[in-house]
Amino acid sequence: MYEHSKQGAVDVITGDEPLNLDAVDRVSRLLEDCIGRGQPRIVLDFGGVALIDSAGLELLLDARQRCGQRGGRLQLAALSPLCHDILDVTGLASEFETFDDVLSAVGSFAR
């Protein structure tokens, strides 16, 4: 399941299942709600996410682009070693700012 919370002015989406085709619609709706509210500041907490498939990667790229178009950012936090490897192997690691934990990712918006 994926859930939305707020830490100050930052939206945090936390998941505990793979970001795959089965989860993309749910996560997309959460992201849409966040992106639609002005300048998006979003952290995706991957602490409980074991895997990202191609549908999940496509969703992340689209959300990153849409956030950028609105003057915002999408950060990734607490990626598992496998999720890091997936981003590296697909050449997408350089497309995202990643952080070891949610607190660091949320704090990055204050810079």
C-alpha atoms as a PDB file:
ATOM      1  CA  MET A   1       0.000   0.000   0.000  1.00  0.00           C
ATOM      2  CA  TYR A   2       1.107   3.555  -0.646  1.00  0.00           C
ATOM      3  CA  GLU A   3       0.147   6.417   1.645  1.00  0.00           C
ATOM      4  CA  HIS A   4       0.457  10.169   1.563  1.00  0.00           C
ATOM      5  CA  SER A   5       1.534  12.360   4.463  1.00  0.00           C
ATOM      6  CA  LYS A   6       2.943  15.861   4.916  1.00  0.00           C
ATOM      7  CA  GLN A   7       6.105  17.001   6.635  1.00  0.00           C
ATOM      8  CA  GLY A   8       5.767  20.757   6.691  1.00  0.00           C
ATOM      9  CA  ALA A   9       5.363  21.910   3.082  1.00  0.00           C
ATOM     10  CA  VAL A  10       6.684  18.620   1.681  1.00  0.00           C
ATOM     11  CA  ASP A  11       4.458  15.790   0.487  1.00  0.00           C
ATOM     12  CA  VAL A  12       5.779  12.336   1.414  1.00  0.00           C
ATOM     13  CA  ILE A  13       4.520   9.202  -0.319  1.00  0.00           C
ATOM     14  CA  THR A  14       5.481   6.018   1.494  1.00  0.00           C
ATOM     15  CA  GLY A  15       5.205   2.541   0.037  1.00  0.00           C
ATOM     16  CA  ASP A  16       5.538  -0.974   1.339  1.00  0.00           C
ATOM     17  CA  GLU A  17       5.084  -2.951  -1.871  1.00  0.00           C
ATOM     18  CA  PRO A  18       6.874  -3.073  -5.240  1.00  0.00           C
ATOM     19  CA  LEU A  19       6.404  -0.066  -7.510  1.00  0.00           C
ATOM     20  CA  ASN A  20       5.174  -2.182 -10.377  1.00  0.00           C
ATOM     21  CA  LEU A  21       2.309  -2.289 -12.851  1.00  0.00           C
ATOM     22  CA  ASP A  22      -0.119  -3.297 -10.096  1.00  0.00           C
ATOM     23  CA  ALA A  23       0.739  -0.245  -7.971  1.00  0.00           C
ATOM     24  CA  VAL A  24       1.234   2.396 -10.669  1.00  0.00           C
ATOM     25  CA  ASP A  25      -2.387   3.589 -10.769  1.00  0.00           C
ATOM     26  CA  ARG A  26      -2.548   4.103  -6.989  1.00  0.00           C
ATOM     27  CA  VAL A  27       0.790   5.894  -6.834  1.00  0.00           C
ATOM     28  CA  SER A  28      -0.067   7.965  -9.901  1.00  0.00           C
ATOM     29  CA  ARG A  29      -3.234   9.260  -8.199  1.00  0.00           C
ATOM     30  CA  LEU A  30      -1.260  10.230  -5.094  1.00  0.00           C
ATOM     31  CA  LEU A  31       1.350  12.007  -7.210  1.00  0.00           C
ATOM     32  CA  GLU A  32      -1.335  13.799  -9.238  1.00  0.00           C
ATOM     33  CA  ASP A  33      -2.883  15.167  -6.046  1.00  0.00           C
ATOM     34  CA  CYS A  34       0.502  16.503  -4.943  1.00  0.00           C
ATOM     35  CA  ILE A  35       1.512  17.914  -8.327  1.00  0.00           C
ATOM     36  CA  GLY A  36      -1.835  19.632  -8.797  1.00  0.00           C
ATOM     37  CA  ARG A  37      -1.394  21.820  -5.702  1.00  0.00           C
ATOM     38  CA  GLY A  38       1.076  24.419  -6.968  1.00  0.00           C
ATOM     39  CA  GLN A  39       4.845  24.021  -6.769  1.00  0.00           C
ATOM     40  CA  PRO A  40       5.293  20.349  -5.886  1.00  0.00           C
ATOM     41  CA  ARG A  41       7.823  19.238  -3.282  1.00  0.00           C
ATOM     42  CA  ILE A  42       7.548  15.475  -3.169  1.00  0.00           C
ATOM     43  CA  VAL A  43       9.580  12.778  -1.448  1.00  0.00           C
ATOM     44  CA  LEU A  44       8.977   9.165  -2.391  1.00  0.00           C
ATOM     45  CA  ASP A  45       9.950   6.994   0.574  1.00  0.00           C
ATOM     46  CA  PHE A  46      11.167   3.659  -0.785  1.00  0.00           C
ATOM     47  CA  GLY A  47      12.060   2.227   2.626  1.00  0.00           C
ATOM     48  CA  GLY A  48       9.580  -0.613   2.182  1.00  0.00           C
ATOM     49  CA  VAL A  49       9.772  -0.920  -1.598  1.00  0.00           C
ATOM     50  CA  ALA A  50      11.775  -3.936  -2.717  1.00  0.00           C
ATOM     51  CA  LEU A  51      11.473  -3.546  -6.493  1.00  0.00           C
ATOM     52  CA  ILE A  52      10.746  -1.050  -9.267  1.00  0.00           C
ATOM     53  CA  ASP A  53       9.680  -2.411 -12.664  1.00  0.00           C
ATOM     54  CA  SER A  54       9.531  -0.643 -16.029  1.00  0.00           C
ATOM     55  CA  ALA A  55       6.027   0.730 -15.366  1.00  0.00           C
ATOM     56  CA  GLY A  56       7.258   2.155 -12.060  1.00  0.00           C
ATOM     57  CA  LEU A  57      10.313   3.712 -13.722  1.00  0.00           C
ATOM     58  CA  GLU A  58       8.112   5.310 -16.357  1.00  0.00           C
ATOM     59  CA  LEU A  59       5.871   6.728 -13.633  1.00  0.00           C
ATOM     60  CA  LEU A  60       8.883   8.177 -11.782  1.00  0.00           C
ATOM     61  CA  LEU A  61      10.251   9.829 -14.920  1.00  0.00           C
ATOM     62  CA  ASP A  62       6.865  11.309 -15.793  1.00  0.00           C
ATOM     63  CA  ALA A  63       6.322  12.621 -12.258  1.00  0.00           C
ATOM     64  CA  ARG A  64       9.835  14.122 -12.152  1.00  0.00           C
ATOM     65  CA  GLN A  65       9.189  15.920 -15.428  1.00  0.00           C
ATOM     66  CA  ARG A  66       5.786  17.200 -14.336  1.00  0.00           C
ATOM     67  CA  CYS A  67       7.194  18.441 -11.019  1.00  0.00           C
ATOM     68  CA  GLY A  68       9.955  20.274 -12.883  1.00  0.00           C
ATOM     69  CA  GLN A  69       7.458  21.914 -15.231  1.00  0.00           C
ATOM     70  CA  ARG A  70       5.692  23.383 -12.196  1.00  0.00           C
ATOM     71  CA  GLY A  71       8.922  24.580 -10.589  1.00  0.00           C
ATOM     72  CA  GLY A  72       9.061  21.724  -8.084  1.00  0.00           C
ATOM     73  CA  ARG A  73      11.123  18.629  -7.427  1.00  0.00           C
ATOM     74  CA  LEU A  74      10.690  14.936  -6.818  1.00  0.00           C
ATOM     75  CA  GLN A  75      13.196  13.295  -4.441  1.00  0.00           C
ATOM     76  CA  LEU A  76      13.728   9.593  -3.735  1.00  0.00           C
ATOM     77  CA  ALA A  77      14.587   8.389  -0.235  1.00  0.00           C
ATOM     78  CA  ALA A  78      15.681   5.138   1.431  1.00  0.00           C
ATOM     79  CA  LEU A  79      16.172   3.133  -1.767  1.00  0.00           C
ATOM     80  CA  SER A  80      17.047  -0.523  -1.260  1.00  0.00           C
ATOM     81  CA  PRO A  81      20.277  -1.776  -2.842  1.00  0.00           C
ATOM     82  CA  LEU A  82      18.213  -3.522  -5.545  1.00  0.00           C
ATOM     83  CA  CYS A  83      16.271  -0.350  -6.365  1.00  0.00           C
ATOM     84  CA  HIS A  84      19.582   1.562  -6.557  1.00  0.00           C
ATOM     85  CA  ASP A  85      20.910  -1.101  -8.924  1.00  0.00           C
ATOM     86  CA  ILE A  86      17.786  -0.879 -11.088  1.00  0.00           C
ATOM     87  CA  LEU A  87      18.238   2.881 -11.451  1.00  0.00           C
ATOM     88  CA  ASP A  88      21.947   2.414 -12.230  1.00  0.00           C
ATOM     89  CA  VAL A  89      21.472  -0.376 -14.782  1.00  0.00           C
ATOM     90  CA  THR A  90      18.730   1.525 -16.612  1.00  0.00           C
ATOM     91  CA  GLY A  91      20.838   4.689 -16.691  1.00  0.00           C
ATOM     92  CA  LEU A  92      18.254   6.603 -14.659  1.00  0.00           C
ATOM     93  CA  ALA A  93      20.259   7.139 -11.465  1.00  0.00           C
ATOM     94  CA  SER A  94      21.430  10.544 -12.675  1.00  0.00           C
ATOM     95  CA  GLU A  95      17.831  11.630 -13.303  1.00  0.00           C
ATOM     96  CA  PHE A  96      16.918  11.644  -9.606  1.00  0.00           C
ATOM     97  CA  GLU A  97      18.264  13.108  -6.410  1.00  0.00           C
ATOM     98  CA  THR A  98      18.399  10.295  -3.879  1.00  0.00           C
ATOM     99  CA  PHE A  99      18.790  10.405  -0.110  1.00  0.00           C
ATOM    100  CA  ASP A 100      19.546   7.821   2.539  1.00  0.00           C
ATOM    101  CA  ASP A 101      16.424   8.688   4.531  1.00  0.00           C
ATOM    102  CA  VAL A 102      13.217  10.697   4.384  1.00  0.00           C
ATOM    103  CA  LEU A 103      14.433  13.335   6.843  1.00  0.00           C
ATOM    104  CA  SER A 104      17.401  14.195   4.625  1.00  0.00           C
ATOM    105  CA  ALA A 105      15.210  14.317   1.531  1.00  0.00           C
ATOM    106  CA  VAL A 106      12.651  16.586   3.199  1.00  0.00           C
ATOM    107  CA  GLY A 107      15.453  18.796   4.537  1.00  0.00           C
ATOM    108  CA  SER A 108      16.892  19.197   1.033  1.00  0.00           C
ATOM    109  CA  PHE A 109      13.953  21.403   0.109  1.00  0.00           C
ATOM    110  CA  ALA A 110      15.065  23.973   2.697  1.00  0.00           C
ATOM    111  CA  ARG A 111      18.337  24.567   0.848  1.00  0.00           C
END
